[in-house]
Amino acid sequence: MITVDDLNYKQKNVSFEVVSILDKIQKHIIEQKQSNEPKLKSKFYTGVGSREEKCQKYSESNHINLKQDVIDIGIAFASQSYILRSGGATGMDSYFETGVTEYIQKYTVDALTYFESDSSSSLGKHIKSANQTCAFDAHQLLGEIYYAKDADRYNQKVQNELLFEMVKLFHPAPQYLKKNSYPIKLLARNIFQLFGYRFILDEDKLDFCDDISRFVICFTPDGCISHSTRNYNTGGTGQLISYADFFGVPVYNLGNKEQMSYQRLMEYSQPIIDGLKQSKLELEKR
């Protein structure tokens, strides 16, 4: 876990207010984890990663089907009532999203009416973005997708400025990020992928920490799993990895062969997928 001192906030001209708030959030999360009574309310996880082109290239060079395997991982976690947080981009984001959608379509009954009444089967039609909520799978919310526009959800100038300062603090080249630009908003919305829509930079409002993701599953071709191992090849996913590192959220990168996350997650998900398929066959025979 990195600290505010590791982020060189003085050299990046980030206000002490932002640094102080982030430090308090980090300490609050550490205290929660050390408590005998964990306060995590829901089973959130973050599923993100590289865009389509990089995913396809990695699949071809390693003779794997990254897309289908991630879809299966998404199905497996959805079946265990884990709630996906992602970013709606092509590649990894869409693979996870498809996994949740396929779980609903193939392995649930009551929720199918959501898709029968809509010509589009995109999870984006049935998720929570910013302050809007739509539950599916009968009674469960299984996905939250955050876009660049969600960085403006505060509608408060002060909060928006604090959010953009936070982005610069974690970014390796903040001098290239223009205020209110699309790139900085895209990087800002990554924090919601970790904490959810209640995240706010206010030291007196820390209850959103109860909703922090339990872990991050991602893919980047360099296998980055921490702020210190982040580099140019990590891409935009590196911003979320830096946030996760700071707030103590484990990162499992499918591109990290030493970590063996790919093998371990497939070992976890495949029996679940097989069980779902078997249950479906048995139901169809009745």
C-alpha atoms as a PDB file:
ATOM      1  CA  MET A   1       0.000   0.000   0.000  1.00  0.00           C
ATOM      2  CA  ILE A   2       1.341   3.408  -0.979  1.00  0.00           C
ATOM      3  CA  THR A   3       0.961   6.594   1.080  1.00  0.00           C
ATOM      4  CA  VAL A   4       0.402  10.232   0.166  1.00  0.00           C
ATOM      5  CA  ASP A   5       4.136  10.832   0.569  1.00  0.00           C
ATOM      6  CA  ASP A   6       4.841   8.254  -2.142  1.00  0.00           C
ATOM      7  CA  LEU A   7       2.740  10.291  -4.591  1.00  0.00           C
ATOM      8  CA  ASN A   8       4.986  13.385  -4.548  1.00  0.00           C
ATOM      9  CA  TYR A   9       2.064  15.724  -3.997  1.00  0.00           C
ATOM     10  CA  LYS A  10       4.293  18.773  -3.462  1.00  0.00           C
ATOM     11  CA  GLN A  11       5.946  18.429  -6.862  1.00  0.00           C
ATOM     12  CA  LYS A  12       2.523  17.997  -8.495  1.00  0.00           C
ATOM     13  CA  ASN A  13       1.129  21.160  -6.856  1.00  0.00           C
ATOM     14  CA  VAL A  14      -1.813  19.306  -5.369  1.00  0.00           C
ATOM     15  CA  SER A  15      -3.568  21.121  -2.550  1.00  0.00           C
ATOM     16  CA  PHE A  16      -2.980  19.925   0.982  1.00  0.00           C
ATOM     17  CA  GLU A  17      -6.770  19.729   1.417  1.00  0.00           C
ATOM     18  CA  VAL A  18      -7.003  16.905  -1.125  1.00  0.00           C
ATOM     19  CA  VAL A  19      -3.976  15.145   0.336  1.00  0.00           C
ATOM     20  CA  SER A  20      -5.377  15.411   3.861  1.00  0.00           C
ATOM     21  CA  ILE A  21      -8.795  14.045   2.869  1.00  0.00           C
ATOM     22  CA  LEU A  22      -7.280  11.110   0.979  1.00  0.00           C
ATOM     23  CA  ASP A  23      -5.029  10.351   3.941  1.00  0.00           C
ATOM     24  CA  LYS A  24      -8.051  10.241   6.256  1.00  0.00           C
ATOM     25  CA  ILE A  25      -9.975   8.001   3.857  1.00  0.00           C
ATOM     26  CA  GLN A  26      -7.013   5.622   3.691  1.00  0.00           C
ATOM     27  CA  LYS A  27      -6.654   5.501   7.478  1.00  0.00           C
ATOM     28  CA  HIS A  28     -10.388   4.973   7.896  1.00  0.00           C
ATOM     29  CA  ILE A  29     -10.290   1.976   5.531  1.00  0.00           C
ATOM     30  CA  ILE A  30      -7.268   0.520   7.347  1.00  0.00           C
ATOM     31  CA  GLU A  31      -9.096   0.847  10.675  1.00  0.00           C
ATOM     32  CA  GLN A  32     -12.132  -0.878   9.171  1.00  0.00           C
ATOM     33  CA  LYS A  33     -10.045  -3.815   7.996  1.00  0.00           C
ATOM     34  CA  GLN A  34      -8.358  -4.141  11.373  1.00  0.00           C
ATOM     35  CA  SER A  35     -11.681  -4.047  13.181  1.00  0.00           C
ATOM     36  CA  ASN A  36     -13.138  -7.267  14.544  1.00  0.00           C
ATOM     37  CA  GLU A  37     -16.410  -6.383  12.819  1.00  0.00           C
ATOM     38  CA  PRO A  38     -15.851  -5.746   9.100  1.00  0.00           C
ATOM     39  CA  LYS A  39     -18.300  -3.171   7.745  1.00  0.00           C
ATOM     40  CA  LEU A  40     -18.321  -4.020   4.038  1.00  0.00           C
ATOM     41  CA  LYS A  41     -22.019  -4.056   3.200  1.00  0.00           C
ATOM     42  CA  SER A  42     -22.063  -5.569  -0.271  1.00  0.00           C
ATOM     43  CA  LYS A  43     -20.073  -7.924  -2.453  1.00  0.00           C
ATOM     44  CA  PHE A  44     -18.714  -5.397  -4.941  1.00  0.00           C
ATOM     45  CA  TYR A  45     -15.793  -6.107  -7.232  1.00  0.00           C
ATOM     46  CA  THR A  46     -14.227  -4.103 -10.033  1.00  0.00           C
ATOM     47  CA  GLY A  47     -13.745  -5.653 -13.472  1.00  0.00           C
ATOM     48  CA  VAL A  48     -11.832  -3.512 -15.972  1.00  0.00           C
ATOM     49  CA  GLY A  49      -8.834  -3.513 -18.278  1.00  0.00           C
ATOM     50  CA  SER A  50      -7.340  -2.907 -21.689  1.00  0.00           C
ATOM     51  CA  ARG A  51      -9.280  -2.189 -24.867  1.00  0.00           C
ATOM     52  CA  GLU A  52     -10.246  -4.742 -27.501  1.00  0.00           C
ATOM     53  CA  GLU A  53      -7.111  -4.526 -29.663  1.00  0.00           C
ATOM     54  CA  LYS A  54      -4.702  -5.275 -26.803  1.00  0.00           C
ATOM     55  CA  CYS A  55      -6.909  -8.102 -25.548  1.00  0.00           C
ATOM     56  CA  GLN A  56      -7.022  -9.759 -28.954  1.00  0.00           C
ATOM     57  CA  LYS A  57      -3.262  -9.426 -29.423  1.00  0.00           C
ATOM     58  CA  TYR A  58      -2.600 -11.009 -26.011  1.00  0.00           C
ATOM     59  CA  SER A  59      -5.025 -13.851 -26.758  1.00  0.00           C
ATOM     60  CA  GLU A  60      -3.339 -14.635 -30.069  1.00  0.00           C
ATOM     61  CA  SER A  61       0.203 -14.535 -28.697  1.00  0.00           C
ATOM     62  CA  ASN A  62      -0.687 -16.731 -25.696  1.00  0.00           C
ATOM     63  CA  HIS A  63      -3.089 -19.079 -27.531  1.00  0.00           C
ATOM     64  CA  ILE A  64      -5.988 -18.368 -25.186  1.00  0.00           C
ATOM     65  CA  ASN A  65      -9.513 -17.011 -25.495  1.00  0.00           C
ATOM     66  CA  LEU A  66      -9.305 -14.075 -23.110  1.00  0.00           C
ATOM     67  CA  LYS A  67     -12.726 -12.750 -24.105  1.00  0.00           C
ATOM     68  CA  GLN A  68     -14.631 -15.960 -23.382  1.00  0.00           C
ATOM     69  CA  ASP A  69     -12.669 -16.678 -20.223  1.00  0.00           C
ATOM     70  CA  VAL A  70     -13.460 -13.231 -18.794  1.00  0.00           C
ATOM     71  CA  ILE A  71     -17.105 -13.624 -19.762  1.00  0.00           C
ATOM     72  CA  ASP A  72     -17.091 -16.900 -17.800  1.00  0.00           C
ATOM     73  CA  ILE A  73     -15.476 -15.155 -14.833  1.00  0.00           C
ATOM     74  CA  GLY A  74     -18.210 -12.516 -14.987  1.00  0.00           C
ATOM     75  CA  ILE A  75     -20.899 -15.221 -15.071  1.00  0.00           C
ATOM     76  CA  ALA A  76     -19.336 -17.040 -12.132  1.00  0.00           C
ATOM     77  CA  PHE A  77     -19.137 -13.974  -9.903  1.00  0.00           C
ATOM     78  CA  ALA A  78     -22.650 -12.852 -10.846  1.00  0.00           C
ATOM     79  CA  SER A  79     -23.963 -16.272  -9.852  1.00  0.00           C
ATOM     80  CA  GLN A  80     -22.380 -15.786  -6.431  1.00  0.00           C
ATOM     81  CA  SER A  81     -24.148 -12.408  -6.032  1.00  0.00           C
ATOM     82  CA  TYR A  82     -21.045 -10.312  -6.598  1.00  0.00           C
ATOM     83  CA  ILE A  83     -21.810  -6.872  -8.010  1.00  0.00           C
ATOM     84  CA  LEU A  84     -19.692  -5.742 -10.961  1.00  0.00           C
ATOM     85  CA  ARG A  85     -18.299  -2.232 -11.261  1.00  0.00           C
ATOM     86  CA  SER A  86     -16.846  -1.346 -14.634  1.00  0.00           C
ATOM     87  CA  GLY A  87     -16.380   1.395 -17.215  1.00  0.00           C
ATOM     88  CA  GLY A  88     -18.360   0.537 -20.335  1.00  0.00           C
ATOM     89  CA  ALA A  89     -15.348   0.498 -22.674  1.00  0.00           C
ATOM     90  CA  THR A  90     -14.577  -2.037 -25.389  1.00  0.00           C
ATOM     91  CA  GLY A  91     -12.405  -4.982 -24.442  1.00  0.00           C
ATOM     92  CA  MET A  92     -12.226  -6.082 -20.825  1.00  0.00           C
ATOM     93  CA  ASP A  93     -15.004  -3.809 -19.557  1.00  0.00           C
ATOM     94  CA  SER A  94     -17.433  -5.175 -22.114  1.00  0.00           C
ATOM     95  CA  TYR A  95     -16.340  -8.785 -21.446  1.00  0.00           C
ATOM     96  CA  PHE A  96     -17.262  -8.485 -17.776  1.00  0.00           C
ATOM     97  CA  GLU A  97     -20.497  -6.732 -18.707  1.00  0.00           C
ATOM     98  CA  THR A  98     -21.349  -9.532 -21.140  1.00  0.00           C
ATOM     99  CA  GLY A  99     -20.697 -12.092 -18.395  1.00  0.00           C
ATOM    100  CA  VAL A 100     -23.304 -10.496 -16.152  1.00  0.00           C
ATOM    101  CA  THR A 101     -25.745 -10.170 -19.043  1.00  0.00           C
ATOM    102  CA  GLU A 102     -25.291 -13.822 -20.051  1.00  0.00           C
ATOM    103  CA  TYR A 103     -25.803 -14.964 -16.480  1.00  0.00           C
ATOM    104  CA  ILE A 104     -29.135 -13.158 -16.386  1.00  0.00           C
ATOM    105  CA  GLN A 105     -30.215 -14.368 -19.810  1.00  0.00           C
ATOM    106  CA  LYS A 106     -29.129 -17.989 -19.495  1.00  0.00           C
ATOM    107  CA  TYR A 107     -29.314 -18.870 -15.822  1.00  0.00           C
ATOM    108  CA  THR A 108     -32.084 -16.803 -14.226  1.00  0.00           C
ATOM    109  CA  VAL A 109     -35.815 -16.868 -14.766  1.00  0.00           C
ATOM    110  CA  ASP A 110     -37.549 -13.841 -13.259  1.00  0.00           C
ATOM    111  CA  ALA A 111     -35.096 -11.319 -14.666  1.00  0.00           C
ATOM    112  CA  LEU A 112     -35.583 -12.416 -18.259  1.00  0.00           C
ATOM    113  CA  THR A 113     -38.580 -10.113 -18.579  1.00  0.00           C
ATOM    114  CA  TYR A 114     -36.149  -7.180 -18.468  1.00  0.00           C
ATOM    115  CA  PHE A 115     -34.655  -8.322 -21.749  1.00  0.00           C
ATOM    116  CA  GLU A 116     -37.834  -9.535 -23.391  1.00  0.00           C
ATOM    117  CA  SER A 117     -39.255  -6.031 -23.186  1.00  0.00           C
ATOM    118  CA  ASP A 118     -36.115  -4.436 -24.606  1.00  0.00           C
ATOM    119  CA  SER A 119     -34.558  -5.079 -28.004  1.00  0.00           C
ATOM    120  CA  SER A 120     -31.126  -4.331 -26.550  1.00  0.00           C
ATOM    121  CA  SER A 121     -29.525  -6.865 -24.209  1.00  0.00           C
ATOM    122  CA  SER A 122     -26.810  -4.483 -23.055  1.00  0.00           C
ATOM    123  CA  LEU A 123     -26.150  -4.396 -19.331  1.00  0.00           C
ATOM    124  CA  GLY A 124     -25.920  -0.632 -19.754  1.00  0.00           C
ATOM    125  CA  LYS A 125     -29.705  -0.559 -19.942  1.00  0.00           C
ATOM    126  CA  HIS A 126     -29.991  -2.254 -16.566  1.00  0.00           C
ATOM    127  CA  ILE A 127     -27.330  -0.782 -14.313  1.00  0.00           C
ATOM    128  CA  LYS A 128     -26.719   2.085 -11.962  1.00  0.00           C
ATOM    129  CA  SER A 129     -24.868   5.119 -13.258  1.00  0.00           C
ATOM    130  CA  ALA A 130     -24.264   8.094 -10.968  1.00  0.00           C
ATOM    131  CA  ASN A 131     -27.495   8.665  -9.014  1.00  0.00           C
ATOM    132  CA  GLN A 132     -29.753   6.520 -11.195  1.00  0.00           C
ATOM    133  CA  THR A 133     -30.555   3.017  -9.979  1.00  0.00           C
ATOM    134  CA  CYS A 134     -32.125   0.081 -11.804  1.00  0.00           C
ATOM    135  CA  ALA A 135     -32.182  -3.329 -10.174  1.00  0.00           C
ATOM    136  CA  PHE A 136     -32.368  -6.544 -12.129  1.00  0.00           C
ATOM    137  CA  ASP A 137     -32.055 -10.302 -11.564  1.00  0.00           C
ATOM    138  CA  ALA A 138     -35.379 -10.037  -9.791  1.00  0.00           C
ATOM    139  CA  HIS A 139     -34.114  -8.444  -6.575  1.00  0.00           C
ATOM    140  CA  GLN A 140     -30.384  -7.933  -7.081  1.00  0.00           C
ATOM    141  CA  LEU A 141     -28.344  -5.165  -8.583  1.00  0.00           C
ATOM    142  CA  LEU A 142     -25.506  -6.935 -10.370  1.00  0.00           C
ATOM    143  CA  GLY A 143     -23.731  -4.127 -12.160  1.00  0.00           C
ATOM    144  CA  GLU A 144     -22.605  -0.513 -12.007  1.00  0.00           C
ATOM    145  CA  ILE A 145     -21.098   1.108 -15.095  1.00  0.00           C
ATOM    146  CA  TYR A 146     -19.373   4.480 -14.812  1.00  0.00           C
ATOM    147  CA  TYR A 147     -18.595   6.768 -17.742  1.00  0.00           C
ATOM    148  CA  ALA A 148     -16.585   9.979 -18.123  1.00  0.00           C
ATOM    149  CA  LYS A 149     -19.757  12.043 -17.700  1.00  0.00           C
ATOM    150  CA  ASP A 150     -20.142  10.623 -14.190  1.00  0.00           C
ATOM    151  CA  ALA A 151     -17.144  12.695 -13.117  1.00  0.00           C
ATOM    152  CA  ASP A 152     -19.529  15.678 -13.232  1.00  0.00           C
ATOM    153  CA  ARG A 153     -22.110  14.038 -10.987  1.00  0.00           C
ATOM    154  CA  TYR A 154     -21.452  16.393  -8.062  1.00  0.00           C
ATOM    155  CA  ASN A 155     -22.663  19.481  -9.945  1.00  0.00           C
ATOM    156  CA  GLN A 156     -20.519  21.381  -7.495  1.00  0.00           C
ATOM    157  CA  LYS A 157     -17.527  23.372  -8.656  1.00  0.00           C
ATOM    158  CA  VAL A 158     -15.557  22.809  -5.455  1.00  0.00           C
ATOM    159  CA  GLN A 159     -16.017  19.033  -5.461  1.00  0.00           C
ATOM    160  CA  ASN A 160     -15.211  18.760  -9.164  1.00  0.00           C
ATOM    161  CA  GLU A 161     -11.979  20.683  -8.676  1.00  0.00           C
ATOM    162  CA  LEU A 162     -10.997  18.457  -5.747  1.00  0.00           C
ATOM    163  CA  LEU A 163     -11.736  15.365  -7.835  1.00  0.00           C
ATOM    164  CA  PHE A 164      -9.543  16.556 -10.703  1.00  0.00           C
ATOM    165  CA  GLU A 165      -6.745  17.395  -8.277  1.00  0.00           C
ATOM    166  CA  MET A 166      -6.958  13.854  -6.963  1.00  0.00           C
ATOM    167  CA  VAL A 167      -6.572  12.536 -10.516  1.00  0.00           C
ATOM    168  CA  LYS A 168      -3.385  14.555 -10.977  1.00  0.00           C
ATOM    169  CA  LEU A 169      -2.007  13.304  -7.674  1.00  0.00           C
ATOM    170  CA  PHE A 170      -2.164   9.688  -8.838  1.00  0.00           C
ATOM    171  CA  HIS A 171      -1.203  10.311 -12.475  1.00  0.00           C
ATOM    172  CA  PRO A 172       2.447   9.915 -13.598  1.00  0.00           C
ATOM    173  CA  ALA A 173       2.247  12.904 -15.982  1.00  0.00           C
ATOM    174  CA  PRO A 174      -0.290  15.378 -14.547  1.00  0.00           C
ATOM    175  CA  GLN A 175       1.113  18.260 -16.596  1.00  0.00           C
ATOM    176  CA  TYR A 176      -0.605  16.822 -19.661  1.00  0.00           C
ATOM    177  CA  LEU A 177      -4.065  16.669 -18.082  1.00  0.00           C
ATOM    178  CA  LYS A 178      -6.239  19.666 -18.894  1.00  0.00           C
ATOM    179  CA  LYS A 179      -8.928  20.769 -16.492  1.00  0.00           C
ATOM    180  CA  ASN A 180     -12.441  19.592 -17.408  1.00  0.00           C
ATOM    181  CA  SER A 181     -11.102  17.685 -20.429  1.00  0.00           C
ATOM    182  CA  TYR A 182     -12.474  14.288 -21.471  1.00  0.00           C
ATOM    183  CA  PRO A 183      -9.244  12.421 -20.522  1.00  0.00           C
ATOM    184  CA  ILE A 184      -9.219  13.777 -16.971  1.00  0.00           C
ATOM    185  CA  LYS A 185     -12.922  12.981 -16.545  1.00  0.00           C
ATOM    186  CA  LEU A 186     -12.273   9.464 -17.791  1.00  0.00           C
ATOM    187  CA  LEU A 187      -9.551   9.013 -15.165  1.00  0.00           C
ATOM    188  CA  ALA A 188     -11.708  10.620 -12.476  1.00  0.00           C
ATOM    189  CA  ARG A 189     -14.593   8.221 -13.021  1.00  0.00           C
ATOM    190  CA  ASN A 190     -12.222   5.350 -12.178  1.00  0.00           C
ATOM    191  CA  ILE A 191     -12.566   6.228  -8.510  1.00  0.00           C
ATOM    192  CA  PHE A 192     -16.306   5.448  -8.726  1.00  0.00           C
ATOM    193  CA  GLN A 193     -15.425   2.047 -10.166  1.00  0.00           C
ATOM    194  CA  LEU A 194     -13.710   1.389  -6.855  1.00  0.00           C
ATOM    195  CA  PHE A 195     -16.057   3.054  -4.357  1.00  0.00           C
ATOM    196  CA  GLY A 196     -19.376   3.464  -6.152  1.00  0.00           C
ATOM    197  CA  TYR A 197     -21.458   6.552  -6.789  1.00  0.00           C
ATOM    198  CA  ARG A 198     -21.413   7.752  -3.144  1.00  0.00           C
ATOM    199  CA  PHE A 199     -17.695   8.607  -3.216  1.00  0.00           C
ATOM    200  CA  ILE A 200     -17.021  12.191  -2.180  1.00  0.00           C
ATOM    201  CA  LEU A 201     -13.910  14.063  -1.078  1.00  0.00           C
ATOM    202  CA  ASP A 202     -15.208  15.160   2.296  1.00  0.00           C
ATOM    203  CA  GLU A 203     -13.478  14.082   5.499  1.00  0.00           C
ATOM    204  CA  ASP A 204     -16.774  14.277   7.406  1.00  0.00           C
ATOM    205  CA  LYS A 205     -18.569  11.895   5.036  1.00  0.00           C
ATOM    206  CA  LEU A 206     -16.722   8.583   5.014  1.00  0.00           C
ATOM    207  CA  ASP A 207     -19.639   6.145   5.063  1.00  0.00           C
ATOM    208  CA  PHE A 208     -19.082   5.473   1.341  1.00  0.00           C
ATOM    209  CA  CYS A 209     -16.028   3.461   2.386  1.00  0.00           C
ATOM    210  CA  ASP A 210     -18.440   0.688   3.399  1.00  0.00           C
ATOM    211  CA  ASP A 211     -19.099   0.116  -0.308  1.00  0.00           C
ATOM    212  CA  ILE A 212     -15.492  -0.210  -1.480  1.00  0.00           C
ATOM    213  CA  SER A 213     -14.833  -3.040  -3.925  1.00  0.00           C
ATOM    214  CA  ARG A 214     -13.407  -6.141  -2.289  1.00  0.00           C
ATOM    215  CA  PHE A 215     -10.951  -6.694  -5.141  1.00  0.00           C
ATOM    216  CA  VAL A 216     -10.083  -5.675  -8.689  1.00  0.00           C
ATOM    217  CA  ILE A 217      -9.853  -8.128 -11.587  1.00  0.00           C
ATOM    218  CA  CYS A 218      -8.221  -6.621 -14.637  1.00  0.00           C
ATOM    219  CA  PHE A 219      -6.043  -7.271 -17.645  1.00  0.00           C
ATOM    220  CA  THR A 220      -3.181  -5.131 -18.892  1.00  0.00           C
ATOM    221  CA  PRO A 221      -0.458  -6.609 -21.113  1.00  0.00           C
ATOM    222  CA  ASP A 222       2.287  -5.559 -18.695  1.00  0.00           C
ATOM    223  CA  GLY A 223       0.665  -7.351 -15.746  1.00  0.00           C
ATOM    224  CA  CYS A 224       0.667  -4.270 -13.507  1.00  0.00           C
ATOM    225  CA  ILE A 225      -0.692  -4.837  -9.983  1.00  0.00           C
ATOM    226  CA  SER A 226       0.517  -1.741  -8.098  1.00  0.00           C
ATOM    227  CA  HIS A 227       1.259   1.966  -8.439  1.00  0.00           C
ATOM    228  CA  SER A 228       5.001   1.295  -8.460  1.00  0.00           C
ATOM    229  CA  THR A 229       4.786  -1.197 -11.364  1.00  0.00           C
ATOM    230  CA  ARG A 230       2.573   1.085 -13.471  1.00  0.00           C
ATOM    231  CA  ASN A 231       4.048   2.181 -16.802  1.00  0.00           C
ATOM    232  CA  TYR A 232       3.035   3.466 -20.234  1.00  0.00           C
ATOM    233  CA  ASN A 233       1.860   0.019 -21.353  1.00  0.00           C
ATOM    234  CA  THR A 234      -0.560  -0.190 -18.427  1.00  0.00           C
ATOM    235  CA  GLY A 235      -2.751   2.401 -20.132  1.00  0.00           C
ATOM    236  CA  GLY A 236      -5.701   4.116 -18.461  1.00  0.00           C
ATOM    237  CA  THR A 237      -6.337   1.083 -16.240  1.00  0.00           C
ATOM    238  CA  GLY A 238      -3.202   2.133 -14.385  1.00  0.00           C
ATOM    239  CA  GLN A 239      -5.120   4.982 -12.754  1.00  0.00           C
ATOM    240  CA  LEU A 240      -7.556   2.581 -11.142  1.00  0.00           C
ATOM    241  CA  ILE A 241      -4.702   0.284 -10.111  1.00  0.00           C
ATOM    242  CA  SER A 242      -3.038   3.249  -8.403  1.00  0.00           C
ATOM    243  CA  TYR A 243      -6.265   4.055  -6.559  1.00  0.00           C
ATOM    244  CA  ALA A 244      -6.634   0.417  -5.525  1.00  0.00           C
ATOM    245  CA  ASP A 245      -3.049   0.278  -4.288  1.00  0.00           C
ATOM    246  CA  PHE A 246      -3.527   3.412  -2.181  1.00  0.00           C
ATOM    247  CA  PHE A 247      -6.766   2.202  -0.600  1.00  0.00           C
ATOM    248  CA  GLY A 248      -5.559  -1.353  -0.032  1.00  0.00           C
ATOM    249  CA  VAL A 249      -7.773  -3.155  -2.544  1.00  0.00           C
ATOM    250  CA  PRO A 250      -6.147  -6.335  -3.968  1.00  0.00           C
ATOM    251  CA  VAL A 251      -5.500  -6.277  -7.728  1.00  0.00           C
ATOM    252  CA  TYR A 252      -5.558  -9.510  -9.729  1.00  0.00           C
ATOM    253  CA  ASN A 253      -4.164  -8.903 -13.193  1.00  0.00           C
ATOM    254  CA  LEU A 254      -4.789 -11.652 -15.731  1.00  0.00           C
ATOM    255  CA  GLY A 255      -1.683 -10.514 -17.592  1.00  0.00           C
ATOM    256  CA  ASN A 256       0.581 -11.114 -14.594  1.00  0.00           C
ATOM    257  CA  LYS A 257       1.976 -14.618 -15.060  1.00  0.00           C
ATOM    258  CA  GLU A 258       3.882 -14.615 -11.763  1.00  0.00           C
ATOM    259  CA  GLN A 259       0.688 -13.842  -9.854  1.00  0.00           C
ATOM    260  CA  MET A 260      -1.065 -16.701 -11.710  1.00  0.00           C
ATOM    261  CA  SER A 261      -4.380 -14.847 -11.468  1.00  0.00           C
ATOM    262  CA  TYR A 262      -5.530 -16.192 -14.825  1.00  0.00           C
ATOM    263  CA  GLN A 263      -5.165 -19.838 -13.793  1.00  0.00           C
ATOM    264  CA  ARG A 264      -6.598 -19.296 -10.326  1.00  0.00           C
ATOM    265  CA  LEU A 265      -9.656 -17.412 -11.539  1.00  0.00           C
ATOM    266  CA  MET A 266     -10.359 -20.039 -14.187  1.00  0.00           C
ATOM    267  CA  GLU A 267     -10.027 -22.757 -11.539  1.00  0.00           C
ATOM    268  CA  TYR A 268     -12.573 -20.829  -9.472  1.00  0.00           C
ATOM    269  CA  SER A 269     -15.033 -20.023 -12.260  1.00  0.00           C
ATOM    270  CA  GLN A 270     -15.035 -23.179 -14.372  1.00  0.00           C
ATOM    271  CA  PRO A 271     -16.677 -25.499 -11.809  1.00  0.00           C
ATOM    272  CA  ILE A 272     -19.336 -22.836 -11.244  1.00  0.00           C
ATOM    273  CA  ILE A 273     -19.994 -22.532 -14.987  1.00  0.00           C
ATOM    274  CA  ASP A 274     -20.190 -26.314 -15.306  1.00  0.00           C
ATOM    275  CA  GLY A 275     -22.626 -26.452 -12.402  1.00  0.00           C
ATOM    276  CA  LEU A 276     -24.839 -23.740 -13.929  1.00  0.00           C
ATOM    277  CA  LYS A 277     -24.920 -25.571 -17.257  1.00  0.00           C
ATOM    278  CA  GLN A 278     -25.789 -28.856 -15.568  1.00  0.00           C
ATOM    279  CA  SER A 279     -28.579 -27.261 -13.554  1.00  0.00           C
ATOM    280  CA  LYS A 280     -29.983 -25.679 -16.697  1.00  0.00           C
ATOM    281  CA  LEU A 281     -29.988 -29.035 -18.503  1.00  0.00           C
ATOM    282  CA  GLU A 282     -31.776 -30.687 -15.623  1.00  0.00           C
ATOM    283  CA  LEU A 283     -34.411 -27.976 -15.570  1.00  0.00           C
ATOM    284  CA  GLU A 284     -34.954 -28.252 -19.317  1.00  0.00           C
ATOM    285  CA  LYS A 285     -35.571 -32.003 -18.979  1.00  0.00           C
ATOM    286  CA  ARG A 286     -38.433 -31.514 -16.543  1.00  0.00           C
END
